[in-house]
């Protein structure tokens, strides 16, 4: 199903559930293959096979490529997904929205890849009923103080280390990101 303000469309996924589950398991395995990094540290020392962007695109096409679905969601920037069954474990952001070009192990080709997660704002909810509940809750009262969180994905600092706060002051001005500084 795809539902927008303009309409709704339905299409059957042309892959049997067991085959789809196997493809999603393989997709996960490729994302966690030896040689991949977590926090800048190799997960294993062996060279990883290149991530199969063609399969990531094939999965995207199987899920969102039906003409009625593609026509309805094509220009939508914000997506709310309510996956069920085997789709609950799919990392949608790693899907590829167009046929990939270049080699799968070429950094320039990877940067140029149209990943779903970089082209769309994705939100995943456990069910359509959850989305309905959130929408019916209406406007919430705004917090008195804004929250600003800063993380260290490389895990290189000591707890309480304020070394990156200077960068934060350079990047965020008057409550908005200085895009050129990023």
N, C-alpha and C. Protein backbone atom coordinates (compact mmCIF):
# COMPACT_ATOMS: atom_id res chain seq x y z
N UNK A 1 0.83 -1.18 0.00
CA UNK A 1 0.00 0.00 0.00
C UNK A 1 0.88 1.25 0.00
N UNK A 2 0.41 2.26 -0.68
CA UNK A 2 1.00 3.59 -0.58
C UNK A 2 -0.17 4.56 -0.48
N UNK A 3 -0.10 5.46 0.47
CA UNK A 3 -1.16 6.43 0.68
C UNK A 3 -0.53 7.80 0.78
N UNK A 4 -1.06 8.73 0.01
CA UNK A 4 -0.63 10.13 0.08
C UNK A 4 -1.88 10.99 0.17
N UNK A 5 -1.69 12.28 0.27
CA UNK A 5 -2.85 13.18 0.27
C UNK A 5 -3.58 13.13 -1.07
N UNK A 6 -2.84 12.79 -2.12
CA UNK A 6 -3.42 12.78 -3.46
C UNK A 6 -4.16 11.49 -3.79
N UNK A 7 -3.87 10.41 -3.09
CA UNK A 7 -4.52 9.16 -3.42
C UNK A 7 -3.89 7.96 -2.73
N UNK A 8 -4.30 6.79 -3.17
CA UNK A 8 -3.80 5.54 -2.60
C UNK A 8 -3.58 4.56 -3.75
N UNK A 9 -2.62 3.66 -3.55
CA UNK A 9 -2.35 2.62 -4.55
C UNK A 9 -1.96 1.35 -3.82
N UNK A 10 -2.23 0.25 -4.48
CA UNK A 10 -1.91 -1.06 -3.93
C UNK A 10 -1.24 -1.88 -5.02
N UNK A 11 -0.23 -2.64 -4.64
CA UNK A 11 0.41 -3.56 -5.58
C UNK A 11 0.95 -4.74 -4.79
N UNK A 12 0.90 -5.88 -5.40
CA UNK A 12 1.43 -7.08 -4.77
C UNK A 12 2.94 -7.11 -4.96
N UNK A 13 3.66 -7.47 -3.90
CA UNK A 13 5.11 -7.66 -4.01
C UNK A 13 5.31 -8.96 -4.77
N UNK A 14 6.03 -8.91 -5.86
CA UNK A 14 6.18 -10.07 -6.73
C UNK A 14 7.23 -11.06 -6.27
N UNK A 15 7.44 -11.16 -4.97
CA UNK A 15 8.42 -12.09 -4.40
C UNK A 15 7.72 -12.85 -3.28
N UNK A 16 7.86 -14.17 -3.29
CA UNK A 16 7.27 -14.98 -2.21
C UNK A 16 7.92 -14.61 -0.88
N UNK A 17 7.18 -14.77 0.20
CA UNK A 17 7.65 -14.35 1.53
C UNK A 17 8.98 -15.01 1.91
N UNK A 18 9.12 -16.30 1.69
CA UNK A 18 10.38 -16.99 2.05
C UNK A 18 11.55 -16.47 1.22
N UNK A 19 11.32 -16.25 -0.07
CA UNK A 19 12.38 -15.71 -0.93
C UNK A 19 12.75 -14.29 -0.49
N UNK A 20 11.74 -13.49 -0.13
CA UNK A 20 11.99 -12.14 0.34
C UNK A 20 12.78 -12.18 1.65
N UNK A 21 12.40 -13.08 2.54
CA UNK A 21 13.12 -13.22 3.82
C UNK A 21 14.58 -13.59 3.57
N UNK A 22 14.83 -14.49 2.63
CA UNK A 22 16.21 -14.88 2.30
C UNK A 22 16.99 -13.70 1.73
N UNK A 23 16.35 -12.93 0.88
CA UNK A 23 17.02 -11.76 0.31
C UNK A 23 17.34 -10.72 1.38
N UNK A 24 16.44 -10.53 2.32
CA UNK A 24 16.67 -9.57 3.40
C UNK A 24 17.80 -10.07 4.31
N UNK A 25 17.84 -11.37 4.60
CA UNK A 25 18.95 -11.92 5.40
C UNK A 25 20.28 -11.71 4.68
N UNK A 26 20.32 -11.95 3.37
CA UNK A 26 21.55 -11.74 2.60
C UNK A 26 21.93 -10.26 2.60
N UNK A 27 20.93 -9.39 2.53
CA UNK A 27 21.15 -7.95 2.56
C UNK A 27 21.81 -7.55 3.88
N UNK A 28 21.28 -8.07 4.99
CA UNK A 28 21.88 -7.82 6.31
C UNK A 28 23.31 -8.33 6.36
N UNK A 29 23.53 -9.54 5.85
CA UNK A 29 24.87 -10.12 5.87
C UNK A 29 25.85 -9.26 5.09
N UNK A 30 25.41 -8.70 3.96
CA UNK A 30 26.28 -7.85 3.16
C UNK A 30 26.62 -6.56 3.90
N UNK A 31 25.67 -6.04 4.66
CA UNK A 31 25.93 -4.81 5.42
C UNK A 31 26.89 -5.06 6.58
N UNK A 32 26.92 -6.29 7.09
CA UNK A 32 27.78 -6.62 8.23
C UNK A 32 28.94 -7.52 7.82
N UNK A 33 29.30 -7.49 6.53
CA UNK A 33 30.35 -8.38 6.02
C UNK A 33 31.69 -8.06 6.66
N UNK A 34 32.62 -9.05 6.67
CA UNK A 34 33.96 -8.80 7.20
C UNK A 34 34.60 -7.62 6.50
N UNK A 35 35.31 -6.82 7.26
CA UNK A 35 35.97 -5.65 6.71
C UNK A 35 35.14 -4.38 6.89
N UNK A 36 33.88 -4.50 7.22
CA UNK A 36 33.07 -3.33 7.49
C UNK A 36 33.54 -2.71 8.81
N UNK A 37 33.29 -1.44 8.95
CA UNK A 37 33.75 -0.73 10.14
C UNK A 37 32.59 -0.42 11.06
N UNK A 38 32.87 -0.42 12.34
CA UNK A 38 31.93 0.07 13.34
C UNK A 38 32.75 0.97 14.24
N UNK A 39 32.34 2.22 14.30
CA UNK A 39 33.05 3.22 15.09
C UNK A 39 34.50 3.32 14.65
N UNK A 40 34.76 3.18 13.34
CA UNK A 40 36.10 3.32 12.80
C UNK A 40 37.00 2.13 13.03
N UNK A 41 36.48 1.06 13.62
CA UNK A 41 37.27 -0.13 13.92
C UNK A 41 36.78 -1.28 13.04
N UNK A 42 37.68 -1.98 12.35
CA UNK A 42 37.23 -3.10 11.51
C UNK A 42 36.51 -4.15 12.36
N UNK A 43 35.37 -4.65 11.85
CA UNK A 43 34.65 -5.71 12.54
C UNK A 43 35.44 -7.00 12.48
N UNK A 44 36.09 -7.26 11.35
CA UNK A 44 36.97 -8.40 11.17
C UNK A 44 38.09 -7.96 10.26
N UNK A 45 39.18 -8.67 10.24
CA UNK A 45 40.34 -8.23 9.47
C UNK A 45 40.27 -8.58 7.99
N UNK A 46 39.46 -9.54 7.58
CA UNK A 46 39.41 -9.95 6.19
C UNK A 46 38.79 -8.86 5.31
N UNK A 47 39.22 -8.80 4.06
CA UNK A 47 38.66 -7.84 3.10
C UNK A 47 37.21 -8.21 2.80
N UNK A 48 36.34 -7.24 2.86
CA UNK A 48 34.92 -7.48 2.63
C UNK A 48 34.60 -7.50 1.15
N UNK A 49 33.69 -8.35 0.75
CA UNK A 49 33.21 -8.23 -0.62
C UNK A 49 32.43 -6.92 -0.75
N UNK A 50 32.42 -6.38 -1.94
CA UNK A 50 31.70 -5.13 -2.16
C UNK A 50 30.21 -5.33 -1.88
N UNK A 51 29.59 -4.30 -1.36
CA UNK A 51 28.15 -4.32 -1.12
C UNK A 51 27.46 -4.34 -2.48
N UNK A 52 26.50 -5.22 -2.65
CA UNK A 52 25.83 -5.41 -3.93
C UNK A 52 24.73 -4.37 -4.11
N UNK A 53 25.08 -3.24 -4.73
CA UNK A 53 24.11 -2.17 -4.92
C UNK A 53 23.01 -2.57 -5.91
N UNK A 54 23.34 -3.46 -6.85
CA UNK A 54 22.32 -3.92 -7.80
C UNK A 54 21.21 -4.69 -7.05
N UNK A 55 21.59 -5.51 -6.08
CA UNK A 55 20.59 -6.22 -5.28
C UNK A 55 19.80 -5.24 -4.41
N UNK A 56 20.47 -4.21 -3.89
CA UNK A 56 19.76 -3.19 -3.10
C UNK A 56 18.74 -2.46 -3.98
N UNK A 57 19.10 -2.25 -5.23
CA UNK A 57 18.14 -1.63 -6.16
C UNK A 57 17.02 -2.61 -6.53
N UNK A 58 17.36 -3.88 -6.71
CA UNK A 58 16.34 -4.88 -7.04
C UNK A 58 15.31 -4.99 -5.90
N UNK A 59 15.78 -4.93 -4.66
CA UNK A 59 14.85 -4.96 -3.52
C UNK A 59 13.96 -3.71 -3.52
N UNK A 60 14.56 -2.56 -3.78
CA UNK A 60 13.78 -1.32 -3.84
C UNK A 60 12.70 -1.45 -4.92
N UNK A 61 13.09 -1.96 -6.09
CA UNK A 61 12.15 -2.10 -7.20
C UNK A 61 11.04 -3.09 -6.86
N UNK A 62 11.38 -4.19 -6.19
CA UNK A 62 10.37 -5.17 -5.81
C UNK A 62 9.34 -4.55 -4.85
N UNK A 63 9.79 -3.66 -3.99
CA UNK A 63 8.91 -3.08 -2.98
C UNK A 63 8.16 -1.84 -3.46
N UNK A 64 8.85 -1.00 -4.22
CA UNK A 64 8.27 0.31 -4.56
C UNK A 64 8.19 0.57 -6.07
N UNK A 65 8.54 -0.40 -6.89
CA UNK A 65 8.64 -0.17 -8.32
C UNK A 65 7.39 -0.41 -9.13
N UNK A 66 6.33 -0.96 -8.54
CA UNK A 66 5.09 -1.15 -9.29
C UNK A 66 4.65 0.22 -9.81
N UNK A 67 4.21 0.30 -11.06
CA UNK A 67 3.88 1.60 -11.65
C UNK A 67 2.92 2.46 -10.82
N UNK A 68 1.89 1.87 -10.26
CA UNK A 68 0.93 2.65 -9.47
C UNK A 68 1.58 3.22 -8.21
N UNK A 69 2.42 2.41 -7.58
CA UNK A 69 3.13 2.86 -6.36
C UNK A 69 4.15 3.92 -6.72
N UNK A 70 4.98 3.64 -7.72
CA UNK A 70 6.04 4.58 -8.12
C UNK A 70 5.47 5.93 -8.52
N UNK A 71 4.34 5.93 -9.23
CA UNK A 71 3.73 7.19 -9.65
C UNK A 71 3.24 7.99 -8.44
N UNK A 72 2.74 7.31 -7.45
CA UNK A 72 2.17 7.99 -6.29
C UNK A 72 3.25 8.55 -5.36
N UNK A 73 4.35 7.82 -5.18
CA UNK A 73 5.37 8.23 -4.21
C UNK A 73 6.56 8.93 -4.84
N UNK A 74 6.62 8.97 -6.16
CA UNK A 74 7.79 9.48 -6.86
C UNK A 74 8.33 10.81 -6.37
N UNK A 75 7.50 11.79 -6.18
CA UNK A 75 7.97 13.11 -5.78
C UNK A 75 7.92 13.38 -4.29
N UNK A 76 7.60 12.38 -3.51
CA UNK A 76 7.44 12.58 -2.06
C UNK A 76 8.79 12.53 -1.36
N UNK A 77 9.09 13.55 -0.58
CA UNK A 77 10.35 13.63 0.15
C UNK A 77 10.26 12.90 1.49
N UNK A 78 9.14 13.02 2.18
CA UNK A 78 8.96 12.44 3.51
C UNK A 78 8.14 11.16 3.40
N UNK A 79 8.71 10.07 3.89
CA UNK A 79 8.03 8.77 3.85
C UNK A 79 7.84 8.27 5.27
N UNK A 80 6.66 7.77 5.55
CA UNK A 80 6.39 7.06 6.80
C UNK A 80 6.10 5.62 6.39
N UNK A 81 6.91 4.70 6.88
CA UNK A 81 6.80 3.28 6.53
C UNK A 81 6.24 2.51 7.71
N UNK A 82 5.31 1.61 7.42
CA UNK A 82 4.73 0.73 8.44
C UNK A 82 4.93 -0.71 7.96
N UNK A 83 6.18 -1.20 7.99
CA UNK A 83 6.45 -2.55 7.46
C UNK A 83 5.86 -3.63 8.36
N UNK A 84 5.56 -4.76 7.74
CA UNK A 84 5.01 -5.90 8.46
C UNK A 84 5.83 -7.13 8.11
N UNK A 85 5.75 -8.15 8.95
CA UNK A 85 6.40 -9.43 8.67
C UNK A 85 7.90 -9.30 8.46
N UNK A 86 8.40 -9.94 7.40
CA UNK A 86 9.84 -9.96 7.16
C UNK A 86 10.40 -8.57 6.85
N UNK A 87 9.54 -7.65 6.44
CA UNK A 87 10.01 -6.30 6.11
C UNK A 87 10.39 -5.49 7.34
N UNK A 88 9.98 -5.94 8.52
CA UNK A 88 10.33 -5.22 9.75
C UNK A 88 11.84 -5.10 9.94
N UNK A 89 12.59 -6.07 9.45
CA UNK A 89 14.03 -6.04 9.68
C UNK A 89 14.81 -5.41 8.53
N UNK A 90 14.14 -4.92 7.52
CA UNK A 90 14.83 -4.35 6.37
C UNK A 90 15.31 -2.93 6.67
N UNK A 91 16.59 -2.66 6.50
CA UNK A 91 17.08 -1.28 6.67
C UNK A 91 16.79 -0.49 5.39
N UNK A 92 15.61 0.12 5.34
CA UNK A 92 15.14 0.79 4.13
C UNK A 92 16.12 1.84 3.62
N UNK A 93 16.81 2.53 4.50
CA UNK A 93 17.71 3.60 4.09
C UNK A 93 18.84 3.08 3.19
N UNK A 94 19.19 1.81 3.28
CA UNK A 94 20.28 1.25 2.48
C UNK A 94 19.82 0.75 1.11
N UNK A 95 18.55 0.91 0.80
CA UNK A 95 18.07 0.55 -0.53
C UNK A 95 18.55 1.59 -1.54
N UNK A 96 18.68 1.17 -2.79
CA UNK A 96 19.16 2.04 -3.86
C UNK A 96 17.99 2.33 -4.80
N UNK A 97 17.71 3.60 -5.06
CA UNK A 97 16.50 4.00 -5.78
C UNK A 97 16.62 4.00 -7.30
N UNK A 98 17.81 3.87 -7.84
CA UNK A 98 18.01 3.85 -9.30
C UNK A 98 19.14 2.86 -9.60
N UNK A 99 19.19 2.36 -10.82
CA UNK A 99 20.28 1.41 -11.14
C UNK A 99 21.63 2.04 -10.83
N UNK A 100 22.47 1.35 -10.07
CA UNK A 100 23.76 1.92 -9.70
C UNK A 100 24.73 1.93 -10.88
N UNK A 101 25.64 2.88 -10.86
CA UNK A 101 26.69 2.95 -11.87
C UNK A 101 28.04 2.82 -11.18
N UNK A 102 29.04 2.41 -11.93
CA UNK A 102 30.37 2.25 -11.38
C UNK A 102 30.51 0.97 -10.59
N UNK A 103 31.71 0.74 -10.12
CA UNK A 103 32.02 -0.49 -9.36
C UNK A 103 31.54 -0.36 -7.92
N UNK A 104 31.07 -1.48 -7.38
CA UNK A 104 30.55 -1.49 -6.01
C UNK A 104 31.62 -1.23 -4.96
N UNK A 105 32.89 -1.33 -5.32
CA UNK A 105 33.94 -1.05 -4.35
C UNK A 105 34.65 0.27 -4.62
N UNK A 106 34.09 1.09 -5.51
CA UNK A 106 34.65 2.39 -5.85
C UNK A 106 34.03 3.46 -4.95
N UNK A 107 34.83 4.11 -4.10
CA UNK A 107 34.26 5.12 -3.20
C UNK A 107 33.49 6.23 -3.91
N UNK A 108 33.96 6.66 -5.08
CA UNK A 108 33.25 7.71 -5.81
C UNK A 108 31.88 7.21 -6.27
N UNK A 109 31.82 5.98 -6.74
CA UNK A 109 30.53 5.41 -7.17
C UNK A 109 29.59 5.26 -5.98
N UNK A 110 30.13 4.87 -4.83
CA UNK A 110 29.30 4.73 -3.63
C UNK A 110 28.74 6.08 -3.19
N UNK A 111 29.58 7.13 -3.26
CA UNK A 111 29.10 8.46 -2.89
C UNK A 111 28.02 8.95 -3.85
N UNK A 112 28.09 8.56 -5.11
CA UNK A 112 27.11 9.00 -6.12
C UNK A 112 25.85 8.13 -6.14
N UNK A 113 25.82 7.09 -5.36
CA UNK A 113 24.69 6.17 -5.35
C UNK A 113 23.45 6.85 -4.78
N UNK A 114 22.31 6.69 -5.43
CA UNK A 114 21.07 7.28 -4.90
C UNK A 114 20.44 6.39 -3.82
N UNK A 115 20.95 6.47 -2.61
CA UNK A 115 20.44 5.70 -1.47
C UNK A 115 19.09 6.26 -1.07
N UNK A 116 18.16 5.39 -0.71
CA UNK A 116 16.83 5.84 -0.28
C UNK A 116 16.95 6.75 0.94
N UNK A 117 17.84 6.41 1.85
CA UNK A 117 17.98 7.18 3.09
C UNK A 117 18.59 8.55 2.91
N UNK A 118 19.26 8.82 1.79
CA UNK A 118 19.79 10.16 1.57
C UNK A 118 18.87 10.99 0.69
N UNK A 119 17.98 10.33 -0.02
CA UNK A 119 17.07 11.05 -0.89
C UNK A 119 15.70 11.30 -0.29
N UNK A 120 15.40 10.62 0.79
CA UNK A 120 14.09 10.74 1.43
C UNK A 120 14.27 10.81 2.95
N UNK A 121 13.36 11.49 3.60
CA UNK A 121 13.31 11.46 5.06
C UNK A 121 12.41 10.28 5.42
N UNK A 122 12.98 9.29 6.10
CA UNK A 122 12.25 8.06 6.41
C UNK A 122 11.89 8.00 7.89
N UNK A 123 10.67 7.60 8.16
CA UNK A 123 10.22 7.31 9.52
C UNK A 123 9.57 5.94 9.47
N UNK A 124 9.91 5.10 10.42
CA UNK A 124 9.34 3.76 10.48
C UNK A 124 8.47 3.67 11.73
N UNK A 125 7.22 3.27 11.53
CA UNK A 125 6.29 3.09 12.64
C UNK A 125 5.88 1.62 12.67
N UNK A 126 5.53 1.10 13.84
CA UNK A 126 5.21 -0.32 13.94
C UNK A 126 3.91 -0.71 13.25
N UNK A 127 3.01 0.25 13.05
CA UNK A 127 1.74 -0.08 12.39
C UNK A 127 1.07 1.20 11.93
N UNK A 128 0.12 1.06 11.04
CA UNK A 128 -0.66 2.21 10.59
C UNK A 128 -1.46 2.78 11.75
N UNK A 129 -1.93 1.91 12.64
CA UNK A 129 -2.68 2.37 13.82
C UNK A 129 -1.82 3.30 14.68
N UNK A 130 -0.54 3.03 14.78
CA UNK A 130 0.36 3.90 15.54
C UNK A 130 0.42 5.27 14.90
N UNK A 131 0.54 5.30 13.58
CA UNK A 131 0.57 6.57 12.87
C UNK A 131 -0.72 7.35 13.12
N UNK A 132 -1.84 6.66 13.06
CA UNK A 132 -3.13 7.31 13.31
C UNK A 132 -3.16 7.89 14.73
N UNK A 133 -2.68 7.13 15.71
CA UNK A 133 -2.67 7.62 17.09
C UNK A 133 -1.80 8.86 17.24
N UNK A 134 -0.65 8.84 16.59
CA UNK A 134 0.23 10.00 16.66
C UNK A 134 -0.40 11.23 16.02
N UNK A 135 -1.08 11.03 14.91
CA UNK A 135 -1.72 12.15 14.22
C UNK A 135 -2.90 12.69 15.02
N UNK A 136 -3.63 11.80 15.70
CA UNK A 136 -4.78 12.23 16.48
C UNK A 136 -4.38 12.92 17.76
N UNK A 137 -3.16 12.67 18.23
CA UNK A 137 -2.70 13.30 19.46
C UNK A 137 -2.61 14.81 19.30
N UNK A 138 -2.47 15.28 18.06
CA UNK A 138 -2.46 16.71 17.80
C UNK A 138 -1.18 17.37 18.24
N UNK A 139 -1.25 18.66 18.33
CA UNK A 139 -0.08 19.45 18.69
C UNK A 139 0.28 19.22 20.16
N UNK A 140 1.54 19.09 20.39
CA UNK A 140 2.05 18.97 21.75
C UNK A 140 2.58 20.32 22.20
N UNK A 141 2.60 20.50 23.47
CA UNK A 141 3.16 21.73 24.01
C UNK A 141 4.67 21.70 23.81
N UNK A 142 5.22 22.81 23.37
CA UNK A 142 6.66 22.89 23.11
C UNK A 142 7.43 22.90 24.43
N UNK A 143 8.60 22.32 24.40
CA UNK A 143 9.47 22.31 25.58
C UNK A 143 9.99 23.72 25.84
N UNK A 144 10.23 24.02 27.10
CA UNK A 144 10.74 25.35 27.44
C UNK A 144 12.17 25.53 26.96
N UNK A 145 12.97 24.49 27.05
CA UNK A 145 14.37 24.56 26.63
C UNK A 145 14.59 23.65 25.44
N UNK A 146 15.36 24.12 24.49
CA UNK A 146 15.69 23.30 23.32
C UNK A 146 16.71 22.25 23.73
N UNK A 147 16.70 21.12 23.02
CA UNK A 147 17.67 20.06 23.27
C UNK A 147 18.69 20.07 22.14
N UNK A 148 19.96 19.99 22.50
CA UNK A 148 21.02 19.86 21.52
C UNK A 148 21.90 18.71 21.98
N UNK A 149 21.96 17.65 21.18
CA UNK A 149 22.78 16.49 21.52
C UNK A 149 23.92 16.38 20.53
N UNK A 150 25.07 15.98 21.02
CA UNK A 150 26.25 15.85 20.17
C UNK A 150 26.88 14.49 20.46
N UNK A 151 27.10 13.70 19.43
CA UNK A 151 27.65 12.37 19.62
C UNK A 151 29.04 12.24 19.02
N UNK A 152 29.71 11.19 19.37
CA UNK A 152 31.05 10.89 18.88
C UNK A 152 31.03 9.50 18.26
N UNK A 153 30.66 9.38 16.98
CA UNK A 153 30.53 8.05 16.39
C UNK A 153 31.85 7.29 16.29
N UNK A 154 32.98 7.96 16.41
CA UNK A 154 34.27 7.26 16.38
C UNK A 154 34.70 6.83 17.78
N UNK A 155 33.96 7.21 18.81
CA UNK A 155 34.26 6.84 20.19
C UNK A 155 35.71 7.15 20.56
N UNK A 156 36.16 8.35 20.20
CA UNK A 156 37.56 8.70 20.45
C UNK A 156 37.76 9.58 21.67
N UNK A 157 36.70 10.13 22.22
CA UNK A 157 36.87 11.02 23.35
C UNK A 157 36.55 10.37 24.67
N UNK A 158 36.98 11.00 25.71
CA UNK A 158 36.66 10.53 27.06
C UNK A 158 35.30 11.10 27.44
N UNK A 159 34.54 10.39 28.30
CA UNK A 159 33.26 10.94 28.74
C UNK A 159 33.45 12.34 29.32
N UNK A 160 32.61 13.27 28.92
CA UNK A 160 32.69 14.64 29.41
C UNK A 160 33.66 15.51 28.64
N UNK A 161 34.36 14.96 27.66
CA UNK A 161 35.32 15.71 26.86
C UNK A 161 34.56 16.72 25.99
N UNK A 162 34.93 17.97 26.05
CA UNK A 162 34.22 19.02 25.32
C UNK A 162 34.97 19.48 24.08
N UNK A 163 35.86 18.64 23.53
CA UNK A 163 36.71 19.07 22.42
C UNK A 163 35.93 19.46 21.17
N UNK A 164 34.75 18.89 20.94
CA UNK A 164 34.00 19.16 19.72
C UNK A 164 33.03 20.34 19.87
N UNK A 165 32.92 20.90 21.05
CA UNK A 165 31.95 21.97 21.24
C UNK A 165 32.31 23.21 20.43
N UNK A 166 33.59 23.45 20.19
CA UNK A 166 33.98 24.57 19.33
C UNK A 166 33.46 24.38 17.92
N UNK A 167 33.55 23.14 17.41
CA UNK A 167 33.00 22.86 16.08
C UNK A 167 31.50 23.06 16.06
N UNK A 168 30.82 22.67 17.13
CA UNK A 168 29.37 22.83 17.19
C UNK A 168 29.00 24.30 17.14
N UNK A 169 29.75 25.14 17.81
CA UNK A 169 29.46 26.57 17.79
C UNK A 169 29.67 27.14 16.39
N UNK A 170 30.62 26.59 15.64
CA UNK A 170 30.89 27.04 14.27
C UNK A 170 29.78 26.58 13.32
N UNK A 171 29.23 25.39 13.57
CA UNK A 171 28.26 24.79 12.66
C UNK A 171 26.84 25.26 12.94
N UNK A 172 26.49 25.50 14.22
CA UNK A 172 25.13 25.89 14.58
C UNK A 172 25.13 27.33 15.07
N UNK A 173 24.39 28.16 14.36
CA UNK A 173 24.30 29.57 14.72
C UNK A 173 22.83 29.96 14.82
N UNK A 174 22.47 30.62 15.87
CA UNK A 174 21.11 31.13 16.06
C UNK A 174 20.07 30.04 15.91
N UNK A 175 20.40 28.83 16.38
CA UNK A 175 19.45 27.74 16.36
C UNK A 175 19.30 27.02 15.04
N UNK A 176 20.11 27.38 14.04
CA UNK A 176 20.03 26.73 12.73
C UNK A 176 21.43 26.28 12.30
N UNK A 177 21.47 25.25 11.48
CA UNK A 177 22.74 24.75 10.99
C UNK A 177 23.28 25.68 9.91
N UNK A 178 24.57 25.97 9.99
CA UNK A 178 25.26 26.72 8.94
C UNK A 178 25.67 25.70 7.89
N UNK A 179 24.85 25.51 6.89
CA UNK A 179 25.03 24.44 5.92
C UNK A 179 26.39 24.51 5.25
N UNK A 180 26.87 25.68 4.94
CA UNK A 180 28.19 25.80 4.29
C UNK A 180 29.31 25.29 5.21
N UNK A 181 29.14 25.40 6.51
CA UNK A 181 30.16 24.94 7.45
C UNK A 181 30.20 23.42 7.53
N UNK A 182 29.09 22.77 7.18
CA UNK A 182 29.05 21.32 7.20
C UNK A 182 29.82 20.79 6.02
